[in-house]
Amino acid sequence: MRFLDAVLCLALASEIHNSDESIRRVAKSLLNKVPRRHRPEICHFLNSPCPLYYTQRYVASIPDSILTMDPGATPDPTYRKRQPAVAPDNEQKLAS
């Protein structure tokens, strides 16, 4: 799960349930689903004195360019997927 997906889950919990306990419950369930490098950020939501307020301020501070980006787009425009390597003996089979 990407970090933005986790933030979306927290934002939905804040809109739907509108309680600190729901934010804590969702953050606790997300801890094992996000990559290890993003767990400290999720812990900020979990350990905040008022997780609902923290979540609302965090979502409000996300730039519009992030919110409107294409989920399939790569952040680096020079990135290209590598073509699968073909073994030398397969090249001879393909040529004949």
N, C-alpha and C. Protein backbone atom coordinates (compact mmCIF):
# COMPACT_ATOMS: atom_id res chain seq x y z
N MET A 1 0.85 -1.18 0.00
CA MET A 1 0.00 0.00 0.00
C MET A 1 0.89 1.24 0.00
N ARG A 2 0.55 2.18 -0.86
CA ARG A 2 1.31 3.42 -0.89
C ARG A 2 0.92 4.32 0.28
N PHE A 3 1.79 5.25 0.59
CA PHE A 3 1.53 6.16 1.70
C PHE A 3 0.30 7.02 1.42
N LEU A 4 0.13 7.46 0.18
CA LEU A 4 -1.05 8.27 -0.15
C LEU A 4 -2.34 7.48 0.01
N ASP A 5 -2.30 6.17 -0.25
CA ASP A 5 -3.47 5.34 -0.02
C ASP A 5 -3.80 5.29 1.47
N ALA A 6 -2.78 5.21 2.30
CA ALA A 6 -2.98 5.20 3.75
C ALA A 6 -3.56 6.53 4.23
N VAL A 7 -3.08 7.63 3.68
CA VAL A 7 -3.60 8.94 4.05
C VAL A 7 -5.06 9.06 3.62
N LEU A 8 -5.38 8.49 2.47
CA LEU A 8 -6.77 8.49 2.01
C LEU A 8 -7.66 7.71 2.98
N CYS A 9 -7.19 6.58 3.46
CA CYS A 9 -7.95 5.80 4.44
C CYS A 9 -8.19 6.61 5.71
N LEU A 10 -7.16 7.30 6.16
CA LEU A 10 -7.31 8.12 7.36
C LEU A 10 -8.27 9.28 7.12
N ALA A 11 -8.20 9.89 5.94
CA ALA A 11 -9.10 11.00 5.62
C ALA A 11 -10.55 10.52 5.54
N LEU A 12 -10.75 9.35 4.97
CA LEU A 12 -12.11 8.81 4.92
C LEU A 12 -12.64 8.50 6.30
N ALA A 13 -11.79 7.95 7.16
CA ALA A 13 -12.21 7.66 8.54
C ALA A 13 -12.58 8.95 9.27
N SER A 14 -11.83 10.01 9.00
CA SER A 14 -12.14 11.26 9.68
C SER A 14 -13.46 11.85 9.18
N GLU A 15 -13.74 11.70 7.87
CA GLU A 15 -14.99 12.23 7.32
C GLU A 15 -16.20 11.39 7.72
N ILE A 16 -16.04 10.09 7.71
CA ILE A 16 -17.18 9.21 7.97
C ILE A 16 -17.50 9.13 9.46
N HIS A 17 -16.48 8.85 10.27
CA HIS A 17 -16.72 8.60 11.70
C HIS A 17 -16.56 9.84 12.57
N ASN A 18 -15.69 10.74 12.13
CA ASN A 18 -15.50 12.01 12.83
C ASN A 18 -15.17 11.83 14.32
N SER A 19 -14.23 10.89 14.60
CA SER A 19 -13.83 10.68 16.00
C SER A 19 -12.35 10.32 16.07
N ASP A 20 -11.74 10.65 17.19
CA ASP A 20 -10.33 10.34 17.41
C ASP A 20 -10.11 8.83 17.46
N GLU A 21 -11.04 8.12 18.06
CA GLU A 21 -10.88 6.67 18.20
C GLU A 21 -10.86 5.97 16.85
N SER A 22 -11.66 6.44 15.91
CA SER A 22 -11.66 5.81 14.58
C SER A 22 -10.33 6.05 13.86
N ILE A 23 -9.77 7.23 14.03
CA ILE A 23 -8.47 7.52 13.41
C ILE A 23 -7.40 6.62 14.01
N ARG A 24 -7.41 6.46 15.32
CA ARG A 24 -6.44 5.57 15.98
C ARG A 24 -6.60 4.13 15.51
N ARG A 25 -7.82 3.68 15.38
CA ARG A 25 -8.07 2.31 14.96
C ARG A 25 -7.58 2.08 13.53
N VAL A 26 -7.86 3.02 12.64
CA VAL A 26 -7.42 2.90 11.25
C VAL A 26 -5.90 2.99 11.16
N ALA A 27 -5.29 3.91 11.89
CA ALA A 27 -3.83 4.05 11.86
C ALA A 27 -3.16 2.79 12.37
N LYS A 28 -3.72 2.20 13.39
CA LYS A 28 -3.14 0.96 13.93
C LYS A 28 -3.24 -0.17 12.91
N SER A 29 -4.33 -0.23 12.16
CA SER A 29 -4.46 -1.29 11.16
C SER A 29 -3.56 -1.03 9.94
N LEU A 30 -3.21 0.24 9.70
CA LEU A 30 -2.35 0.57 8.55
C LEU A 30 -0.87 0.35 8.82
N LEU A 31 -0.48 0.24 10.07
CA LEU A 31 0.95 0.14 10.39
C LEU A 31 1.63 -1.01 9.67
N ASN A 32 0.99 -2.15 9.57
CA ASN A 32 1.62 -3.30 8.93
C ASN A 32 1.40 -3.33 7.42
N LYS A 33 0.60 -2.42 6.90
CA LYS A 33 0.29 -2.43 5.48
C LYS A 33 1.13 -1.45 4.66
N VAL A 34 1.71 -0.45 5.31
CA VAL A 34 2.53 0.52 4.60
C VAL A 34 3.99 0.08 4.66
N PRO A 35 4.81 0.55 3.73
CA PRO A 35 6.24 0.21 3.79
C PRO A 35 6.87 0.73 5.08
N ARG A 36 7.92 0.07 5.48
CA ARG A 36 8.58 0.38 6.75
C ARG A 36 9.03 1.84 6.83
N ARG A 37 9.43 2.42 5.72
CA ARG A 37 9.93 3.80 5.75
C ARG A 37 8.83 4.81 6.05
N HIS A 38 7.54 4.43 5.88
CA HIS A 38 6.43 5.34 6.14
C HIS A 38 5.76 5.09 7.49
N ARG A 39 6.19 4.11 8.22
CA ARG A 39 5.56 3.81 9.50
C ARG A 39 5.69 4.93 10.53
N PRO A 40 6.81 5.66 10.58
CA PRO A 40 6.86 6.78 11.53
C PRO A 40 5.79 7.84 11.28
N GLU A 41 5.48 8.10 10.01
CA GLU A 41 4.44 9.08 9.72
C GLU A 41 3.07 8.59 10.19
N ILE A 42 2.80 7.31 10.02
CA ILE A 42 1.53 6.75 10.50
C ILE A 42 1.49 6.80 12.03
N CYS A 43 2.64 6.61 12.66
CA CYS A 43 2.70 6.70 14.12
C CYS A 43 2.40 8.11 14.61
N HIS A 44 2.68 9.12 13.81
CA HIS A 44 2.32 10.49 14.18
C HIS A 44 0.81 10.63 14.31
N PHE A 45 0.08 10.00 13.38
CA PHE A 45 -1.38 10.02 13.47
C PHE A 45 -1.84 9.26 14.72
N LEU A 46 -1.21 8.14 14.96
CA LEU A 46 -1.61 7.28 16.07
C LEU A 46 -1.32 7.91 17.42
N ASN A 47 -0.19 8.57 17.56
CA ASN A 47 0.24 9.11 18.85
C ASN A 47 -0.14 10.57 19.07
N SER A 48 -0.81 11.17 18.13
CA SER A 48 -1.21 12.56 18.28
C SER A 48 -2.24 12.71 19.40
N PRO A 49 -2.18 13.82 20.16
CA PRO A 49 -3.18 14.02 21.21
C PRO A 49 -4.60 14.15 20.65
N CYS A 50 -4.71 14.70 19.45
CA CYS A 50 -6.02 14.83 18.80
C CYS A 50 -5.88 14.36 17.34
N PRO A 51 -5.97 13.04 17.10
CA PRO A 51 -5.74 12.51 15.75
C PRO A 51 -6.70 13.06 14.69
N LEU A 52 -7.92 13.35 15.09
CA LEU A 52 -8.88 13.88 14.12
C LEU A 52 -8.42 15.23 13.58
N TYR A 53 -8.03 16.12 14.46
CA TYR A 53 -7.54 17.44 14.06
C TYR A 53 -6.25 17.29 13.25
N TYR A 54 -5.34 16.42 13.69
CA TYR A 54 -4.07 16.22 12.98
C TYR A 54 -4.33 15.71 11.56
N THR A 55 -5.26 14.78 11.42
CA THR A 55 -5.58 14.23 10.09
C THR A 55 -6.17 15.31 9.19
N GLN A 56 -7.09 16.10 9.72
CA GLN A 56 -7.70 17.15 8.91
C GLN A 56 -6.67 18.19 8.47
N ARG A 57 -5.76 18.58 9.35
CA ARG A 57 -4.72 19.55 9.00
C ARG A 57 -3.73 18.95 8.00
N TYR A 58 -3.40 17.66 8.18
CA TYR A 58 -2.45 17.00 7.28
C TYR A 58 -3.02 16.93 5.87
N VAL A 59 -4.28 16.53 5.75
CA VAL A 59 -4.90 16.43 4.42
C VAL A 59 -5.05 17.81 3.79
N ALA A 60 -5.35 18.81 4.59
CA ALA A 60 -5.50 20.17 4.05
C ALA A 60 -4.18 20.73 3.55
N SER A 61 -3.05 20.22 4.07
CA SER A 61 -1.75 20.75 3.67
C SER A 61 -1.14 20.02 2.47
N ILE A 62 -1.80 18.98 1.97
CA ILE A 62 -1.28 18.26 0.80
C ILE A 62 -1.46 19.15 -0.43
N PRO A 63 -0.39 19.34 -1.22
CA PRO A 63 -0.51 20.21 -2.40
C PRO A 63 -1.49 19.64 -3.43
N ASP A 64 -2.13 20.53 -4.17
CA ASP A 64 -3.10 20.11 -5.19
C ASP A 64 -2.44 19.27 -6.28
N SER A 65 -1.17 19.51 -6.56
CA SER A 65 -0.49 18.73 -7.59
C SER A 65 -0.41 17.26 -7.21
N ILE A 66 -0.32 16.97 -5.93
CA ILE A 66 -0.30 15.58 -5.47
C ILE A 66 -1.70 14.99 -5.55
N LEU A 67 -2.69 15.76 -5.17
CA LEU A 67 -4.07 15.26 -5.15
C LEU A 67 -4.63 14.99 -6.53
N THR A 68 -4.14 15.68 -7.55
CA THR A 68 -4.67 15.52 -8.90
C THR A 68 -3.75 14.71 -9.80
N MET A 69 -2.71 14.11 -9.27
CA MET A 69 -1.78 13.37 -10.13
C MET A 69 -2.39 12.05 -10.58
N ASP A 70 -1.94 11.57 -11.72
CA ASP A 70 -2.40 10.32 -12.28
C ASP A 70 -1.78 9.17 -11.49
N PRO A 71 -2.57 8.26 -10.94
CA PRO A 71 -2.00 7.19 -10.13
C PRO A 71 -1.08 6.26 -10.91
N GLY A 72 -1.25 6.19 -12.22
CA GLY A 72 -0.41 5.32 -13.02
C GLY A 72 0.87 5.99 -13.48
N ALA A 73 0.98 7.28 -13.28
CA ALA A 73 2.15 8.02 -13.74
C ALA A 73 3.33 7.79 -12.80
N THR A 74 4.50 7.79 -13.37
CA THR A 74 5.70 7.65 -12.55
C THR A 74 6.19 9.03 -12.15
N PRO A 75 6.80 9.18 -10.98
CA PRO A 75 7.26 10.50 -10.56
C PRO A 75 8.43 11.01 -11.38
N ASP A 76 9.20 10.12 -11.98
CA ASP A 76 10.36 10.51 -12.76
C ASP A 76 10.05 10.32 -14.24
N PRO A 77 9.96 11.41 -15.02
CA PRO A 77 9.59 11.26 -16.43
C PRO A 77 10.64 10.55 -17.26
N THR A 78 11.88 10.43 -16.79
CA THR A 78 12.92 9.76 -17.55
C THR A 78 12.92 8.25 -17.29
N TYR A 79 12.10 7.80 -16.35
CA TYR A 79 12.04 6.38 -16.01
C TYR A 79 11.36 5.61 -17.13
N ARG A 80 11.97 4.54 -17.54
CA ARG A 80 11.37 3.67 -18.54
C ARG A 80 11.49 2.24 -18.04
N LYS A 81 10.46 1.48 -18.28
CA LYS A 81 10.51 0.07 -17.90
C LYS A 81 11.51 -0.64 -18.79
N ARG A 82 12.28 -1.50 -18.16
CA ARG A 82 13.27 -2.25 -18.93
C ARG A 82 12.60 -3.35 -19.73
N GLN A 83 13.15 -3.58 -20.90
CA GLN A 83 12.69 -4.70 -21.71
C GLN A 83 13.28 -5.98 -21.12
N PRO A 84 12.56 -7.06 -21.12
CA PRO A 84 13.11 -8.29 -20.59
C PRO A 84 14.32 -8.74 -21.39
N ALA A 85 15.32 -9.17 -20.68
CA ALA A 85 16.55 -9.62 -21.34
C ALA A 85 16.29 -10.94 -22.05
N VAL A 86 16.81 -11.04 -23.27
CA VAL A 86 16.65 -12.27 -24.04
C VAL A 86 17.99 -13.00 -24.01
N ALA A 87 17.94 -14.25 -23.65
CA ALA A 87 19.16 -15.05 -23.59
C ALA A 87 19.72 -15.21 -25.00
N PRO A 88 21.09 -15.31 -25.14
CA PRO A 88 21.70 -15.42 -26.48
C PRO A 88 21.19 -16.62 -27.28
N ASP A 89 20.94 -17.75 -26.63
CA ASP A 89 20.47 -18.91 -27.38
C ASP A 89 19.03 -18.71 -27.87
N ASN A 90 18.26 -17.90 -27.16
CA ASN A 90 16.90 -17.60 -27.62
C ASN A 90 16.91 -16.68 -28.82
N GLU A 91 17.93 -15.83 -28.94
CA GLU A 91 18.02 -14.94 -30.10
C GLU A 91 18.22 -15.75 -31.37
N GLN A 92 19.02 -16.82 -31.27
CA GLN A 92 19.26 -17.64 -32.44
C GLN A 92 17.98 -18.39 -32.83
N LYS A 93 17.21 -18.84 -31.83
CA LYS A 93 15.96 -19.52 -32.13
C LYS A 93 14.96 -18.57 -32.76
N LEU A 94 14.96 -17.31 -32.27
CA LEU A 94 14.02 -16.34 -32.82
C LEU A 94 14.39 -15.95 -34.24
N ALA A 95 15.69 -15.94 -34.56
CA ALA A 95 16.15 -15.53 -35.88
C ALA A 95 15.84 -16.60 -36.92
N SER A 96 15.79 -17.85 -36.51
CA SER A 96 15.56 -18.91 -37.50
C SER A 96 14.13 -19.24 -37.73
